[in-house]
C-alpha atoms as a PDB file:
ATOM      1  CA  MET A   1      26.227 132.061 -28.351  1.00  0.00           C
ATOM      2  CA  VAL A   2      24.526 132.295 -24.990  1.00  0.00           C
ATOM      3  CA  LYS A   3      24.029 135.529 -23.156  1.00  0.00           C
ATOM      4  CA  ALA A   4      25.756 136.296 -19.897  1.00  0.00           C
ATOM      5  CA  ASN A   5      23.961 135.316 -16.724  1.00  0.00           C
ATOM      6  CA  THR A   6      24.645 136.828 -13.322  1.00  0.00           C
ATOM      7  CA  LEU A   7      24.394 134.010 -10.784  1.00  0.00           C
ATOM      8  CA  ARG A   8      24.424 133.685  -7.019  1.00  0.00           C
ATOM      9  CA  ALA A   9      26.035 130.669  -5.393  1.00  0.00           C
ATOM     10  CA  ASP A  10      22.574 129.224  -4.772  1.00  0.00           C
ATOM     11  CA  SER A  11      21.344 129.849  -8.323  1.00  0.00           C
ATOM     12  CA  PRO A  12      20.693 126.898 -10.650  1.00  0.00           C
ATOM     13  CA  SER A  13      23.769 126.356 -12.825  1.00  0.00           C
ATOM     14  CA  THR A  14      21.821 126.148 -16.073  1.00  0.00           C
ATOM     15  CA  PHE A  15      21.020 128.279 -19.082  1.00  0.00           C
ATOM     16  CA  PRO A  16      17.529 128.631 -20.494  1.00  0.00           C
ATOM     17  CA  GLN A  17      16.607 125.862 -22.948  1.00  0.00           C
ATOM     18  CA  GLU A  18      16.489 128.289 -25.864  1.00  0.00           C
ATOM     19  CA  ASP A  19      20.112 129.197 -25.222  1.00  0.00           C
ATOM     20  CA  ALA A  20      21.205 125.601 -24.597  1.00  0.00           C
ATOM     21  CA  GLU A  21      20.161 124.705 -28.120  1.00  0.00           C
ATOM     22  CA  LYS A  22      22.560 127.282 -29.585  1.00  0.00           C
ATOM     23  CA  ALA A  23      25.796 125.852 -28.189  1.00  0.00           C
ATOM     24  CA  PRO A  24      27.279 122.351 -27.718  1.00  0.00           C
ATOM     25  CA  PHE A  25      27.259 122.300 -23.917  1.00  0.00           C
ATOM     26  CA  HIS A  26      27.407 118.500 -23.700  1.00  0.00           C
ATOM     27  CA  GLY A  27      29.595 117.266 -20.849  1.00  0.00           C
ATOM     28  CA  THR A  28      30.183 120.681 -19.289  1.00  0.00           C
ATOM     29  CA  SER A  29      30.244 121.388 -15.583  1.00  0.00           C
ATOM     30  CA  GLY A  30      28.498 123.748 -13.237  1.00  0.00           C
ATOM     31  CA  ILE A  31      30.826 124.993 -10.476  1.00  0.00           C
ATOM     32  CA  VAL A  32      29.590 126.480  -7.197  1.00  0.00           C
ATOM     33  CA  LEU A  33      31.732 128.118  -4.508  1.00  0.00           C
ATOM     34  CA  ASP A  34      29.895 128.738  -1.249  1.00  0.00           C
ATOM     35  CA  GLN A  35      31.492 131.053   1.364  1.00  0.00           C
ATOM     36  CA  VAL A  36      34.997 129.872   0.511  1.00  0.00           C
ATOM     37  CA  CYS A  37      37.836 131.088   2.708  1.00  0.00           C
ATOM     38  CA  HIS A  38      41.495 130.191   2.430  1.00  0.00           C
ATOM     39  CA  ALA A  39      44.657 131.017   4.335  1.00  0.00           C
ATOM     40  CA  PHE A  40      48.321 130.044   4.372  1.00  0.00           C
ATOM     41  CA  ASP A  41      50.488 129.483   7.415  1.00  0.00           C
ATOM     42  CA  ALA A  42      53.174 132.165   7.148  1.00  0.00           C
ATOM     43  CA  PRO A  43      56.290 132.086   9.404  1.00  0.00           C
ATOM     44  CA  ALA A  44      55.064 134.891  11.663  1.00  0.00           C
ATOM     45  CA  SER A  45      51.283 134.670  11.299  1.00  0.00           C
ATOM     46  CA  ARG A  46      48.377 133.247   9.345  1.00  0.00           C
ATOM     47  CA  LEU A  47      48.019 134.822   5.886  1.00  0.00           C
ATOM     48  CA  ASP A  48      44.379 135.192   4.820  1.00  0.00           C
ATOM     49  CA  VAL A  49      43.999 134.977   1.037  1.00  0.00           C
ATOM     50  CA  LEU A  50      40.280 134.476   0.302  1.00  0.00           C
ATOM     51  CA  ARG A  51      37.334 135.594   2.413  1.00  0.00           C
ATOM     52  CA  ASP A  52      33.724 134.431   1.990  1.00  0.00           C
ATOM     53  CA  VAL A  53      33.820 133.952  -1.784  1.00  0.00           C
ATOM     54  CA  SER A  54      30.496 132.711  -3.178  1.00  0.00           C
ATOM     55  CA  LEU A  55      30.295 132.262  -6.933  1.00  0.00           C
ATOM     56  CA  ALA A  56      28.427 130.070  -9.424  1.00  0.00           C
ATOM     57  CA  ILE A  57      29.616 129.243 -12.929  1.00  0.00           C
ATOM     58  CA  ALA A  58      26.957 127.837 -15.235  1.00  0.00           C
ATOM     59  CA  PRO A  59      27.721 124.927 -17.578  1.00  0.00           C
ATOM     60  CA  GLY A  60      29.378 126.338 -20.690  1.00  0.00           C
ATOM     61  CA  GLU A  61      29.804 129.833 -19.236  1.00  0.00           C
ATOM     62  CA  PHE A  62      32.966 131.912 -19.776  1.00  0.00           C
ATOM     63  CA  VAL A  63      33.870 133.834 -16.611  1.00  0.00           C
ATOM     64  CA  ALA A  64      36.864 136.159 -16.150  1.00  0.00           C
ATOM     65  CA  LEU A  65      38.352 137.089 -12.781  1.00  0.00           C
ATOM     66  CA  LEU A  66      39.961 140.513 -12.305  1.00  0.00           C
ATOM     67  CA  GLY A  67      41.572 142.046  -9.263  1.00  0.00           C
ATOM     68  CA  PRO A  68      44.800 143.496  -7.855  1.00  0.00           C
ATOM     69  CA  SER A  69      47.983 141.490  -8.298  1.00  0.00           C
ATOM     70  CA  GLY A  70      48.455 139.024  -5.456  1.00  0.00           C
ATOM     71  CA  CYS A  71      44.880 139.275  -4.200  1.00  0.00           C
ATOM     72  CA  GLY A  72      44.229 135.523  -4.401  1.00  0.00           C
ATOM     73  CA  LYS A  73      42.779 134.896  -7.872  1.00  0.00           C
ATOM     74  CA  SER A  74      45.297 132.191  -8.780  1.00  0.00           C
ATOM     75  CA  THR A  75      44.762 130.571  -5.392  1.00  0.00           C
ATOM     76  CA  LEU A  76      41.045 130.407  -6.158  1.00  0.00           C
ATOM     77  CA  LEU A  77      41.846 128.643  -9.449  1.00  0.00           C
ATOM     78  CA  ARG A  78      43.948 126.067  -7.615  1.00  0.00           C
ATOM     79  CA  LEU A  79      41.062 125.382  -5.240  1.00  0.00           C
ATOM     80  CA  VAL A  80      38.610 124.947  -8.125  1.00  0.00           C
ATOM     81  CA  ALA A  81      41.087 122.653  -9.890  1.00  0.00           C
ATOM     82  CA  GLY A  82      41.334 120.534  -6.738  1.00  0.00           C
ATOM     83  CA  LEU A  83      45.069 121.151  -6.338  1.00  0.00           C
ATOM     84  CA  GLU A  84      44.446 122.466  -2.812  1.00  0.00           C
ATOM     85  CA  ARG A  85      41.565 122.287  -0.340  1.00  0.00           C
ATOM     86  CA  ALA A  86      39.848 125.413   0.911  1.00  0.00           C
ATOM     87  CA  SER A  87      40.311 126.305   4.568  1.00  0.00           C
ATOM     88  CA  ALA A  88      36.553 126.835   4.895  1.00  0.00           C
ATOM     89  CA  GLY A  89      33.441 126.730   2.722  1.00  0.00           C
ATOM     90  CA  THR A  90      32.574 124.338  -0.078  1.00  0.00           C
ATOM     91  CA  ILE A  91      33.359 123.998  -3.789  1.00  0.00           C
ATOM     92  CA  THR A  92      31.277 121.623  -5.881  1.00  0.00           C
ATOM     93  CA  GLN A  93      31.185 120.418  -9.475  1.00  0.00           C
ATOM     94  CA  ASP A  94      27.689 119.415 -10.535  1.00  0.00           C
ATOM     95  CA  GLY A  95      26.846 119.011  -6.853  1.00  0.00           C
ATOM     96  CA  ALA A  96      29.845 116.804  -5.976  1.00  0.00           C
ATOM     97  CA  PRO A  97      32.580 118.195  -3.681  1.00  0.00           C
ATOM     98  CA  ILE A  98      35.880 119.111  -5.329  1.00  0.00           C
ATOM     99  CA  ASP A  99      38.625 117.683  -3.146  1.00  0.00           C
ATOM    100  CA  HIS A 100      41.188 116.343  -5.636  1.00  0.00           C
ATOM    101  CA  PRO A 101      42.408 117.002  -9.200  1.00  0.00           C
ATOM    102  CA  ASP A 102      40.369 115.481 -12.007  1.00  0.00           C
ATOM    103  CA  PRO A 103      40.814 115.324 -15.816  1.00  0.00           C
ATOM    104  CA  SER A 104      37.447 117.066 -16.209  1.00  0.00           C
ATOM    105  CA  ARG A 105      39.102 120.240 -14.837  1.00  0.00           C
ATOM    106  CA  ILE A 106      42.284 121.204 -16.688  1.00  0.00           C
ATOM    107  CA  VAL A 107      44.573 124.145 -15.865  1.00  0.00           C
ATOM    108  CA  VAL A 108      46.587 126.066 -18.472  1.00  0.00           C
ATOM    109  CA  PHE A 109      49.222 128.283 -16.873  1.00  0.00           C
ATOM    110  CA  GLN A 110      51.103 131.353 -18.089  1.00  0.00           C
ATOM    111  CA  ASP A 111      54.143 129.179 -18.825  1.00  0.00           C
ATOM    112  CA  PRO A 112      53.312 126.405 -21.334  1.00  0.00           C
ATOM    113  CA  THR A 113      55.551 123.980 -19.335  1.00  0.00           C
ATOM    114  CA  LEU A 114      56.243 121.733 -22.298  1.00  0.00           C
ATOM    115  CA  PHE A 115      58.823 118.991 -21.807  1.00  0.00           C
ATOM    116  CA  PRO A 116      61.795 120.042 -23.983  1.00  0.00           C
ATOM    117  CA  TRP A 117      62.895 116.462 -24.749  1.00  0.00           C
ATOM    118  CA  ARG A 118      59.506 115.516 -26.177  1.00  0.00           C
ATOM    119  CA  THR A 119      58.086 116.582 -29.530  1.00  0.00           C
ATOM    120  CA  VAL A 120      54.909 118.652 -29.711  1.00  0.00           C
ATOM    121  CA  TRP A 121      52.960 115.473 -30.539  1.00  0.00           C
ATOM    122  CA  GLN A 122      54.462 113.654 -27.559  1.00  0.00           C
ATOM    123  CA  ASN A 123      53.745 116.586 -25.233  1.00  0.00           C
ATOM    124  CA  VAL A 124      50.117 116.729 -26.310  1.00  0.00           C
ATOM    125  CA  ALA A 125      49.803 112.942 -25.906  1.00  0.00           C
ATOM    126  CA  LEU A 126      50.832 113.015 -22.232  1.00  0.00           C
ATOM    127  CA  GLY A 127      47.302 112.832 -20.816  1.00  0.00           C
ATOM    128  CA  LEU A 128      46.358 109.800 -22.875  1.00  0.00           C
ATOM    129  CA  GLU A 129      49.710 108.175 -22.151  1.00  0.00           C
ATOM    130  CA  ALA A 130      49.292 108.668 -18.405  1.00  0.00           C
ATOM    131  CA  ARG A 131      45.897 106.964 -18.526  1.00  0.00           C
ATOM    132  CA  GLY A 132      47.245 104.065 -20.607  1.00  0.00           C
ATOM    133  CA  VAL A 133      44.969 104.681 -23.592  1.00  0.00           C
ATOM    134  CA  LEU A 134      47.362 106.318 -26.077  1.00  0.00           C
ATOM    135  CA  LYS A 135      47.593 103.284 -28.363  1.00  0.00           C
ATOM    136  CA  GLN A 136      43.822 103.109 -28.797  1.00  0.00           C
ATOM    137  CA  GLU A 137      43.174 106.842 -28.969  1.00  0.00           C
ATOM    138  CA  LYS A 138      46.262 108.348 -30.612  1.00  0.00           C
ATOM    139  CA  ALA A 139      44.085 109.832 -33.373  1.00  0.00           C
ATOM    140  CA  ARG A 140      42.858 112.285 -30.742  1.00  0.00           C
ATOM    141  CA  VAL A 141      46.376 113.770 -30.560  1.00  0.00           C
ATOM    142  CA  ASP A 142      46.243 114.668 -34.256  1.00  0.00           C
ATOM    143  CA  GLU A 143      42.718 116.022 -33.786  1.00  0.00           C
ATOM    144  CA  ALA A 144      43.807 118.252 -30.888  1.00  0.00           C
ATOM    145  CA  LEU A 145      46.775 119.585 -32.892  1.00  0.00           C
ATOM    146  CA  CYS A 146      44.463 120.382 -35.799  1.00  0.00           C
ATOM    147  CA  LYS A 147      42.149 122.300 -33.465  1.00  0.00           C
ATOM    148  CA  VAL A 148      44.965 124.664 -32.522  1.00  0.00           C
ATOM    149  CA  GLY A 149      46.564 124.835 -35.962  1.00  0.00           C
ATOM    150  CA  LEU A 150      49.738 122.900 -35.127  1.00  0.00           C
ATOM    151  CA  GLU A 151      49.278 119.826 -37.300  1.00  0.00           C
ATOM    152  CA  SER A 152      52.353 120.805 -39.356  1.00  0.00           C
ATOM    153  CA  PHE A 153      54.488 121.112 -36.199  1.00  0.00           C
ATOM    154  CA  ALA A 154      53.665 117.761 -34.601  1.00  0.00           C
ATOM    155  CA  HIS A 155      57.237 116.451 -34.763  1.00  0.00           C
ATOM    156  CA  VAL A 156      59.214 119.552 -33.829  1.00  0.00           C
ATOM    157  CA  TYR A 157      60.504 120.298 -30.340  1.00  0.00           C
ATOM    158  CA  PRO A 158      59.353 123.101 -28.003  1.00  0.00           C
ATOM    159  CA  HIS A 159      62.490 125.188 -28.546  1.00  0.00           C
ATOM    160  CA  GLN A 160      61.547 125.437 -32.227  1.00  0.00           C
ATOM    161  CA  LEU A 161      58.174 127.055 -31.443  1.00  0.00           C
ATOM    162  CA  SER A 162      57.297 130.713 -30.991  1.00  0.00           C
ATOM    163  CA  GLY A 163      55.663 131.768 -27.718  1.00  0.00           C
ATOM    164  CA  GLY A 164      52.205 131.727 -29.247  1.00  0.00           C
ATOM    165  CA  MET A 165      52.746 128.301 -30.806  1.00  0.00           C
ATOM    166  CA  ALA A 166      53.988 126.890 -27.504  1.00  0.00           C
ATOM    167  CA  GLN A 167      50.822 128.158 -25.805  1.00  0.00           C
ATOM    168  CA  ARG A 168      48.761 126.543 -28.574  1.00  0.00           C
ATOM    169  CA  ALA A 169      50.502 123.269 -27.783  1.00  0.00           C
ATOM    170  CA  ALA A 170      49.616 123.708 -24.112  1.00  0.00           C
ATOM    171  CA  LEU A 171      45.974 124.277 -25.098  1.00  0.00           C
ATOM    172  CA  ALA A 172      46.025 121.145 -27.269  1.00  0.00           C
ATOM    173  CA  ARG A 173      47.429 119.172 -24.334  1.00  0.00           C
ATOM    174  CA  ALA A 174      44.515 120.441 -22.238  1.00  0.00           C
ATOM    175  CA  LEU A 175      41.873 119.804 -24.908  1.00  0.00           C
ATOM    176  CA  ILE A 176      42.885 116.183 -25.434  1.00  0.00           C
ATOM    177  CA  ASN A 177      41.484 115.443 -21.982  1.00  0.00           C
ATOM    178  CA  GLN A 178      38.081 116.706 -23.196  1.00  0.00           C
ATOM    179  CA  PRO A 179      37.714 118.952 -20.132  1.00  0.00           C
ATOM    180  CA  GLN A 180      34.368 120.067 -18.809  1.00  0.00           C
ATOM    181  CA  LEU A 181      36.053 123.101 -17.231  1.00  0.00           C
ATOM    182  CA  LEU A 182      39.096 124.862 -18.722  1.00  0.00           C
ATOM    183  CA  ILE A 183      40.945 126.878 -16.070  1.00  0.00           C
ATOM    184  CA  LEU A 184      43.187 129.584 -17.541  1.00  0.00           C
ATOM    185  CA  ASP A 185      45.713 131.285 -15.244  1.00  0.00           C
ATOM    186  CA  GLU A 186      46.955 134.270 -17.264  1.00  0.00           C
ATOM    187  CA  PRO A 187      47.836 131.993 -20.196  1.00  0.00           C
ATOM    188  CA  LEU A 188      48.650 134.890 -22.539  1.00  0.00           C
ATOM    189  CA  GLY A 189      50.515 137.103 -20.084  1.00  0.00           C
ATOM    190  CA  LYS A 190      53.980 136.585 -21.603  1.00  0.00           C
ATOM    191  CA  LEU A 191      52.999 137.073 -25.242  1.00  0.00           C
ATOM    192  CA  ASP A 192      53.490 140.199 -27.340  1.00  0.00           C
ATOM    193  CA  SER A 193      50.352 142.251 -27.972  1.00  0.00           C
ATOM    194  CA  LEU A 194      49.682 141.030 -31.531  1.00  0.00           C
ATOM    195  CA  THR A 195      50.194 137.358 -30.663  1.00  0.00           C
ATOM    196  CA  ARG A 196      48.057 137.857 -27.573  1.00  0.00           C
ATOM    197  CA  MET A 197      45.136 139.183 -29.622  1.00  0.00           C
ATOM    198  CA  GLU A 198      45.497 136.282 -32.043  1.00  0.00           C
ATOM    199  CA  MET A 199      45.483 133.777 -29.180  1.00  0.00           C
ATOM    200  CA  GLN A 200      42.416 135.430 -27.649  1.00  0.00           C
ATOM    201  CA  GLY A 201      40.606 134.635 -30.872  1.00  0.00           C
ATOM    202  CA  GLU A 202      41.886 131.047 -30.731  1.00  0.00           C
ATOM    203  CA  ILE A 203      40.623 130.556 -27.166  1.00  0.00           C
ATOM    204  CA  LEU A 204      37.249 132.046 -28.044  1.00  0.00           C
ATOM    205  CA  SER A 205      36.920 129.774 -31.080  1.00  0.00           C
ATOM    206  CA  LEU A 206      37.872 126.656 -29.095  1.00  0.00           C
ATOM    207  CA  TRP A 207      35.331 127.512 -26.395  1.00  0.00           C
ATOM    208  CA  GLN A 208      32.563 128.084 -28.911  1.00  0.00           C
ATOM    209  CA  LYS A 209      33.327 124.861 -30.789  1.00  0.00           C
ATOM    210  CA  ASN A 210      33.762 122.620 -27.740  1.00  0.00           C
ATOM    211  CA  GLY A 211      31.314 124.152 -25.274  1.00  0.00           C
ATOM    212  CA  PHE A 212      33.321 123.633 -22.074  1.00  0.00           C
ATOM    213  CA  SER A 213      33.093 126.083 -19.185  1.00  0.00           C
ATOM    214  CA  VAL A 214      35.989 128.545 -18.805  1.00  0.00           C
ATOM    215  CA  LEU A 215      37.375 130.273 -15.734  1.00  0.00           C
ATOM    216  CA  LEU A 216      40.018 132.854 -16.713  1.00  0.00           C
ATOM    217  CA  VAL A 217      42.333 134.914 -14.532  1.00  0.00           C
ATOM    218  CA  THR A 218      43.734 137.943 -16.336  1.00  0.00           C
ATOM    219  CA  HIS A 219      45.067 141.412 -15.554  1.00  0.00           C
ATOM    220  CA  ASP A 220      44.002 142.669 -18.968  1.00  0.00           C
ATOM    221  CA  VAL A 221      40.601 144.389 -18.762  1.00  0.00           C
ATOM    222  CA  GLU A 222      40.188 144.478 -22.542  1.00  0.00           C
ATOM    223  CA  GLU A 223      40.958 140.756 -22.753  1.00  0.00           C
ATOM    224  CA  ALA A 224      38.242 140.013 -20.191  1.00  0.00           C
ATOM    225  CA  LEU A 225      35.735 142.183 -22.070  1.00  0.00           C
ATOM    226  CA  PHE A 226      36.599 140.572 -25.403  1.00  0.00           C
ATOM    227  CA  LEU A 227      36.299 136.988 -24.172  1.00  0.00           C
ATOM    228  CA  ALA A 228      34.044 136.638 -21.156  1.00  0.00           C
ATOM    229  CA  GLN A 229      30.312 136.584 -20.599  1.00  0.00           C
ATOM    230  CA  ARG A 230      30.788 137.815 -17.043  1.00  0.00           C
ATOM    231  CA  ILE A 231      33.565 139.597 -15.167  1.00  0.00           C
ATOM    232  CA  VAL A 232      34.042 139.008 -11.447  1.00  0.00           C
ATOM    233  CA  ILE A 233      36.023 141.744  -9.688  1.00  0.00           C
ATOM    234  CA  PHE A 234      37.928 140.986  -6.489  1.00  0.00           C
ATOM    235  CA  SER A 235      39.118 143.219  -3.679  1.00  0.00           C
ATOM    236  CA  PRO A 236      42.722 143.355  -2.431  1.00  0.00           C
ATOM    237  CA  ARG A 237      43.809 140.414  -0.272  1.00  0.00           C
ATOM    238  CA  PRO A 238      42.082 138.765   1.422  1.00  0.00           C
ATOM    239  CA  ALA A 239      40.016 138.651  -1.756  1.00  0.00           C
ATOM    240  CA  SER A 240      36.269 138.977  -1.658  1.00  0.00           C
ATOM    241  CA  ILE A 241      33.942 139.714  -4.556  1.00  0.00           C
ATOM    242  CA  LEU A 242      33.370 143.428  -5.111  1.00  0.00           C
ATOM    243  CA  ALA A 243      31.178 143.171  -8.213  1.00  0.00           C
ATOM    244  CA  GLN A 244      29.961 140.893 -10.987  1.00  0.00           C
ATOM    245  CA  ILE A 245      29.489 142.565 -14.364  1.00  0.00           C
ATOM    246  CA  PRO A 246      27.663 140.729 -17.170  1.00  0.00           C
ATOM    247  CA  ILE A 247      28.964 141.353 -20.698  1.00  0.00           C
ATOM    248  CA  ASP A 248      25.750 141.142 -22.697  1.00  0.00           C
ATOM    249  CA  ARG A 249      27.339 141.562 -26.139  1.00  0.00           C
ATOM    250  CA  PRO A 250      27.167 139.114 -29.055  1.00  0.00           C
ATOM    251  CA  TYR A 251      30.120 137.256 -30.546  1.00  0.00           C
ATOM    252  CA  PRO A 252      32.241 138.005 -32.460  1.00  0.00           C
ATOM    253  CA  ARG A 253      32.958 141.202 -30.551  1.00  0.00           C
ATOM    254  CA  HIS A 254      34.559 144.315 -31.971  1.00  0.00           C
ATOM    255  CA  ARG A 255      37.293 145.834 -29.811  1.00  0.00           C
ATOM    256  CA  GLY A 256      36.075 149.322 -30.706  1.00  0.00           C
ATOM    257  CA  ASP A 257      32.495 148.643 -29.533  1.00  0.00           C
ATOM    258  CA  PRO A 258      31.403 151.770 -27.583  1.00  0.00           C
ATOM    259  CA  ILE A 259      29.406 149.607 -25.160  1.00  0.00           C
ATOM    260  CA  LEU A 260      32.537 147.631 -24.336  1.00  0.00           C
ATOM    261  CA  ALA A 261      34.349 150.955 -23.865  1.00  0.00           C
ATOM    262  CA  ASN A 262      31.734 151.997 -21.298  1.00  0.00           C
ATOM    263  CA  LEU A 263      32.018 148.651 -19.544  1.00  0.00           C
ATOM    264  CA  ARG A 264      35.791 149.070 -19.507  1.00  0.00           C
ATOM    265  CA  HIS A 265      35.382 152.341 -17.644  1.00  0.00           C
ATOM    266  CA  GLU A 266      33.016 150.669 -15.186  1.00  0.00           C
ATOM    267  CA  VAL A 267      35.469 147.844 -14.549  1.00  0.00           C
ATOM    268  CA  LEU A 268      38.362 150.270 -14.060  1.00  0.00           C
ATOM    269  CA  ASN A 269      36.234 152.283 -11.640  1.00  0.00           C
ATOM    270  CA  ARG A 270      35.624 149.133  -9.618  1.00  0.00           C
ATOM    271  CA  LEU A 271      39.382 148.505  -9.607  1.00  0.00           C
ATOM    272  CA  GLY A 272      40.054 152.058  -8.396  1.00  0.00           C
ATOM    273  CA  LEU A 273      41.521 153.249 -11.700  1.00  0.00           C
ATOM    274  CA  GLY A 274      38.564 155.122 -13.170  1.00  0.00           C
ATOM    275  CA  GLU A 275      40.051 158.614 -12.818  1.00  0.00           C
ATOM    276  CA  SER A 276      42.994 157.746 -15.058  1.00  0.00           C
ATOM    277  CA  TRP A 277      40.721 157.063 -18.089  1.00  0.00           C
END
């Protein structure tokens, strides 16, 4: 797998050719945020959420965002997804402005949000159905379910799934759109610790096999170190980037790796928690 690159917003969103040959980065996107600011109109005053955020994500790169709760990380994901427009600055995908949602950028939230009256198969098929191509491409639904290990649960309903299985179904629903960028907003936050570790492995495997770019928001430092090639640390609101830490460790990673332990201490220091470890 490719090594982590630390990029500025004006850096080329590419990996060296020798690395590109090691991973299937076909159809992936480079994302660039340039001096992005965002604010909400609160009842009493304007609420600043993001301030001068400049960040580049290379095609096929896995980037994790860490920062205090409520600092604006999820808002940044919504801007990248095109669900909202930034108050100032620019966000581009392969050089084109992001100003609306697009199937090439898919968000997976903490809650799987499966429709309870539809089977797992029918939930996963929603993207194809919405685009009017389900009849021609329904084999892709079975393929997506196989990728996440749910082929035997295609015809059950969401209430019959465990939390981890429901999140797998949400990932399958995202993958069927063949995204260039997978946007993960704390997708494992409600799972128990063992299921969470299992799902981390699933996400890593899907990324390595499919080669899309990933932008992950998490509050779990160890999760970020286990999955990402680079960690971006944000300040309290209004969020600005405090540090970018490359994770130059090969996959698969071992959770007991002493280098990851040192990086964990560095990340916690940046978050103001270093003295407690």
